[in-house]
């Protein structure tokens, strides 16, 4: 039909660099739309996204001295294997239960205990250039690849929120013990949950830096853990006071 006939295409009149920027911006939007479509699919069927979608059953089986058939016999298909691997990697509640926080009674003052607590939190996070191993730190970094899908997918966001709440419960428990042990109280309007939430947010924020460097971003002579300790002290001092 005449209405379906498109006119002749014309070349862009934009300067080359402006045209490059325009198409890159359009491309960014196209990527986001693809992520949203995949996120919707995640909640409708069991699929893998991001690096999990590139997981090669042949290569994995070979690491165990087997062929791809060993995996497909168990999972039914490579796609199912990819989806199950992603689901396990995104659910880290078992790892959080294994965290051993320092006992406040073993420290002379709250500042020494807090430093030890934050050293533990730094050490259990990702470390730039570390060897790939199955552990909480590397799985947390791998989880980052799925975070954009969590904007639209409950399958990604739900286990992440469950893990966050579990982390907060653990922190709240240890913070209550520390406040009692050192004879401290919280300032008016502040709850233990507030302090736990602030510390947890700080920890994961610094972990983002730990993915990229082992040194303090602003003070290369200091390890990355210094960033967490100093920032953590600010939170602690702003939230606590003697009873």
Protein backbone atom coordinates (compact mmCIF):
# COMPACT_ATOMS: atom_id res chain seq x y z
CA UNK A 1 0.00 0.00 0.00
CA UNK A 2 1.11 3.54 -0.69
CA UNK A 3 1.05 4.39 2.99
CA UNK A 4 3.63 1.67 3.71
CA UNK A 5 6.22 3.06 1.30
CA UNK A 6 9.05 4.80 3.12
CA UNK A 7 10.87 7.71 1.63
CA UNK A 8 14.54 7.57 0.70
CA UNK A 9 16.96 7.47 3.62
CA UNK A 10 19.10 10.54 4.06
CA UNK A 11 22.57 10.71 5.52
CA UNK A 12 22.97 12.32 8.93
CA UNK A 13 23.91 15.97 8.78
CA UNK A 14 25.39 15.90 12.30
CA UNK A 15 29.17 16.27 12.69
CA UNK A 16 30.84 12.89 13.16
CA UNK A 17 31.49 13.23 16.90
CA UNK A 18 27.94 14.43 17.58
CA UNK A 19 26.56 11.55 15.53
CA UNK A 20 28.72 9.08 17.48
CA UNK A 21 27.45 10.47 20.79
CA UNK A 22 23.83 10.42 19.62
CA UNK A 23 23.98 6.77 18.56
CA UNK A 24 25.84 5.77 21.71
CA UNK A 25 23.09 7.36 23.81
CA UNK A 26 20.43 5.57 21.75
CA UNK A 27 22.45 2.38 22.22
CA UNK A 28 22.52 2.88 26.00
CA UNK A 29 18.74 3.15 26.04
CA UNK A 30 18.46 0.03 23.88
CA UNK A 31 20.64 -1.88 26.38
CA UNK A 32 18.43 -0.78 29.28
CA UNK A 33 15.31 -1.84 27.41
CA UNK A 34 16.91 -5.25 26.76
CA UNK A 35 17.74 -5.62 30.45
CA UNK A 36 14.14 -4.79 31.35
CA UNK A 37 12.80 -7.36 28.86
CA UNK A 38 15.13 -10.01 30.22
CA UNK A 39 14.18 -9.09 33.79
CA UNK A 40 10.50 -9.61 32.98
CA UNK A 41 11.35 -12.98 31.43
CA UNK A 42 13.25 -13.91 34.61
CA UNK A 43 10.03 -13.68 36.60
CA UNK A 44 8.08 -15.67 34.01
CA UNK A 45 10.53 -18.51 33.32
CA UNK A 46 13.84 -19.87 34.53
CA UNK A 47 16.55 -18.23 32.44
CA UNK A 48 20.11 -17.04 33.02
CA UNK A 49 21.29 -13.50 32.33
CA UNK A 50 24.59 -11.66 32.23
CA UNK A 51 27.74 -13.80 32.62
CA UNK A 52 25.63 -16.78 33.71
CA UNK A 53 24.14 -16.93 30.20
CA UNK A 54 27.66 -17.53 28.85
CA UNK A 55 28.35 -20.46 31.16
CA UNK A 56 29.53 -23.34 28.95
CA UNK A 57 28.51 -26.80 30.14
CA UNK A 58 31.26 -28.36 28.02
CA UNK A 59 33.95 -26.27 29.69
CA UNK A 60 32.56 -26.87 33.19
CA UNK A 61 32.32 -30.62 32.69
CA UNK A 62 35.87 -30.71 31.34
CA UNK A 63 37.13 -29.18 34.59
CA UNK A 64 35.77 -32.27 36.32
CA UNK A 65 37.20 -34.63 33.71
CA UNK A 66 33.75 -35.25 32.23
CA UNK A 67 31.83 -34.38 29.07
CA UNK A 68 28.80 -32.13 28.68
CA UNK A 69 26.54 -35.16 28.99
CA UNK A 70 27.40 -35.42 32.69
CA UNK A 71 25.79 -32.02 33.25
CA UNK A 72 22.82 -32.41 30.92
CA UNK A 73 22.03 -35.77 32.56
CA UNK A 74 21.66 -33.95 35.88
CA UNK A 75 20.09 -30.67 34.77
CA UNK A 76 18.39 -31.64 31.52
CA UNK A 77 19.98 -28.87 29.47
CA UNK A 78 22.72 -26.29 29.50
CA UNK A 79 20.10 -23.55 29.94
CA UNK A 80 18.78 -25.20 33.11
CA UNK A 81 22.33 -25.57 34.42
CA UNK A 82 22.98 -21.88 33.79
CA UNK A 83 19.76 -20.82 35.53
CA UNK A 84 20.42 -23.04 38.58
CA UNK A 85 23.98 -21.75 38.88
CA UNK A 86 22.72 -18.17 38.81
CA UNK A 87 20.04 -18.88 41.41
CA UNK A 88 22.59 -20.39 43.80
CA UNK A 89 25.06 -17.54 43.30
CA UNK A 90 22.37 -14.92 44.01
CA UNK A 91 21.33 -16.55 47.28
CA UNK A 92 24.10 -16.11 49.84
CA UNK A 93 22.25 -16.46 53.13
CA UNK A 94 24.35 -19.49 54.12
CA UNK A 95 27.52 -17.42 53.76
CA UNK A 96 26.20 -14.66 56.02
CA UNK A 97 25.50 -17.17 58.79
CA UNK A 98 29.17 -18.19 58.76
CA UNK A 99 30.48 -14.71 59.59
CA UNK A 100 32.28 -14.63 62.96
CA UNK A 101 32.25 -11.17 64.50
CA UNK A 102 34.71 -10.22 67.27
CA UNK A 103 33.55 -10.60 70.87
CA UNK A 104 33.32 -7.16 72.56
CA UNK A 105 34.46 -8.63 75.88
CA UNK A 106 37.88 -9.35 74.36
CA UNK A 107 38.60 -5.64 73.79
CA UNK A 108 39.58 -2.86 76.17
CA UNK A 109 37.46 -0.21 74.51
CA UNK A 110 34.76 0.24 71.90
CA UNK A 111 37.08 1.81 69.32
CA UNK A 112 39.40 -1.22 69.28
CA UNK A 113 36.41 -3.55 68.97
CA UNK A 114 34.89 -1.49 66.17
CA UNK A 115 38.18 -1.53 64.26
CA UNK A 116 38.25 -5.33 64.55
CA UNK A 117 34.62 -5.59 63.41
CA UNK A 118 35.29 -3.47 60.35
CA UNK A 119 38.46 -5.43 59.56
CA UNK A 120 36.28 -8.55 59.47
CA UNK A 121 33.79 -6.86 57.17
CA UNK A 122 36.54 -5.64 54.86
CA UNK A 123 38.22 -9.06 54.74
CA UNK A 124 35.03 -10.91 53.84
CA UNK A 125 34.39 -8.56 50.91
CA UNK A 126 35.91 -8.66 47.40
CA UNK A 127 39.60 -8.00 46.86
CA UNK A 128 40.88 -6.44 43.65
CA UNK A 129 42.84 -8.90 41.44
CA UNK A 130 42.20 -11.86 43.77
CA UNK A 131 42.07 -15.33 42.25
CA UNK A 132 38.55 -16.56 41.32
CA UNK A 133 37.32 -18.89 44.07
CA UNK A 134 33.87 -19.90 45.23
CA UNK A 135 33.36 -17.80 48.32
CA UNK A 136 31.20 -14.97 49.59
CA UNK A 137 33.52 -12.21 48.38
CA UNK A 138 33.65 -13.33 44.76
CA UNK A 139 29.98 -14.30 44.68
CA UNK A 140 29.12 -10.82 45.95
CA UNK A 141 31.11 -9.31 43.10
CA UNK A 142 29.38 -11.66 40.65
CA UNK A 143 26.03 -10.58 42.12
CA UNK A 144 26.80 -7.07 40.91
CA UNK A 145 26.38 -8.27 37.33
CA UNK A 146 22.75 -9.15 38.08
CA UNK A 147 21.86 -5.97 39.98
CA UNK A 148 20.54 -4.08 36.91
CA UNK A 149 18.00 -6.87 36.37
CA UNK A 150 16.85 -6.37 39.96
CA UNK A 151 15.39 -3.03 38.85
CA UNK A 152 12.55 -4.99 37.26
CA UNK A 153 12.90 -8.60 38.46
CA UNK A 154 11.62 -9.96 41.78
CA UNK A 155 13.66 -13.13 41.21
CA UNK A 156 16.84 -11.07 41.47
CA UNK A 157 15.75 -8.53 44.08
CA UNK A 158 14.03 -10.88 46.53
CA UNK A 159 17.04 -13.02 47.55
CA UNK A 160 19.19 -9.90 47.73
CA UNK A 161 16.78 -8.22 50.15
CA UNK A 162 16.55 -11.42 52.21
CA UNK A 163 20.34 -11.47 52.50
CA UNK A 164 20.42 -7.81 53.45
CA UNK A 165 17.88 -8.35 56.23
CA UNK A 166 19.87 -11.31 57.48
CA UNK A 167 23.03 -9.19 57.55
CA UNK A 168 21.19 -6.47 59.47
CA UNK A 169 19.92 -9.00 62.02
CA UNK A 170 23.48 -10.23 62.61
CA UNK A 171 24.86 -6.70 62.92
CA UNK A 172 22.05 -5.59 65.21
CA UNK A 173 22.75 -8.51 67.52
CA UNK A 174 26.48 -7.79 67.76
CA UNK A 175 25.93 -4.04 68.15
CA UNK A 176 23.56 -4.56 71.08
CA UNK A 177 26.18 -6.69 72.76
CA UNK A 178 28.86 -4.05 72.19
CA UNK A 179 26.73 -1.22 73.55
CA UNK A 180 26.08 -3.20 76.73
CA UNK A 181 29.69 -4.31 77.05
CA UNK A 182 31.12 -0.79 76.79
CA UNK A 183 28.37 0.99 78.73
CA UNK A 184 27.16 3.02 75.78
CA UNK A 185 23.74 4.26 74.69
CA UNK A 186 22.38 5.55 71.40
CA UNK A 187 21.60 9.19 70.87
CA UNK A 188 17.95 10.24 70.96
CA UNK A 189 16.05 9.25 67.85
CA UNK A 190 18.61 6.60 66.84
CA UNK A 191 17.88 2.88 67.01
CA UNK A 192 20.23 -0.07 66.88
CA UNK A 193 18.62 -0.94 63.54
CA UNK A 194 19.50 2.52 62.26
CA UNK A 195 23.14 2.03 63.21
CA UNK A 196 23.21 -1.48 61.74
CA UNK A 197 21.68 -0.21 58.49
CA UNK A 198 24.21 2.62 58.22
CA UNK A 199 27.14 0.28 58.83
CA UNK A 200 25.82 -2.31 56.36
CA UNK A 201 25.38 0.35 53.69
CA UNK A 202 28.89 1.65 54.36
CA UNK A 203 30.37 -1.84 54.13
CA UNK A 204 28.83 -2.60 50.76
CA UNK A 205 29.77 0.85 49.48
CA UNK A 206 33.41 0.26 50.35
CA UNK A 207 33.22 -3.22 48.82
CA UNK A 208 32.56 -1.50 45.50
CA UNK A 209 35.92 0.24 45.94
CA UNK A 210 37.52 -3.07 46.96
CA UNK A 211 36.54 -4.52 43.59
CA UNK A 212 38.76 -1.90 41.95
CA UNK A 213 41.65 -1.34 44.35
CA UNK A 214 43.38 -2.76 47.41
CA UNK A 215 44.53 0.69 48.51
CA UNK A 216 42.66 3.64 50.00
CA UNK A 217 41.44 5.58 46.91
CA UNK A 218 42.61 8.93 48.32
CA UNK A 219 45.60 7.69 50.34
CA UNK A 220 47.48 5.04 48.36
CA UNK A 221 49.84 4.41 51.30
CA UNK A 222 46.90 3.02 53.28
CA UNK A 223 45.04 -0.27 52.67
CA UNK A 224 41.43 -0.16 51.55
CA UNK A 225 40.33 -1.35 55.01
CA UNK A 226 41.39 2.05 56.38
CA UNK A 227 38.57 3.67 54.42
CA UNK A 228 36.04 1.39 56.10
CA UNK A 229 37.50 1.79 59.59
CA UNK A 230 37.64 5.58 59.52
CA UNK A 231 34.18 5.97 58.03
CA UNK A 232 32.78 3.41 60.46
CA UNK A 233 34.18 5.34 63.41
CA UNK A 234 32.37 8.47 62.24
CA UNK A 235 29.07 6.59 62.22
CA UNK A 236 29.76 5.04 65.60
CA UNK A 237 30.79 8.29 67.30
CA UNK A 238 27.81 10.10 65.81
CA UNK A 239 25.36 7.49 67.07
CA UNK A 240 26.68 6.59 70.56
CA UNK A 241 27.37 8.30 73.88
CA UNK A 242 28.20 7.15 77.43
CA UNK A 243 25.28 6.02 79.58
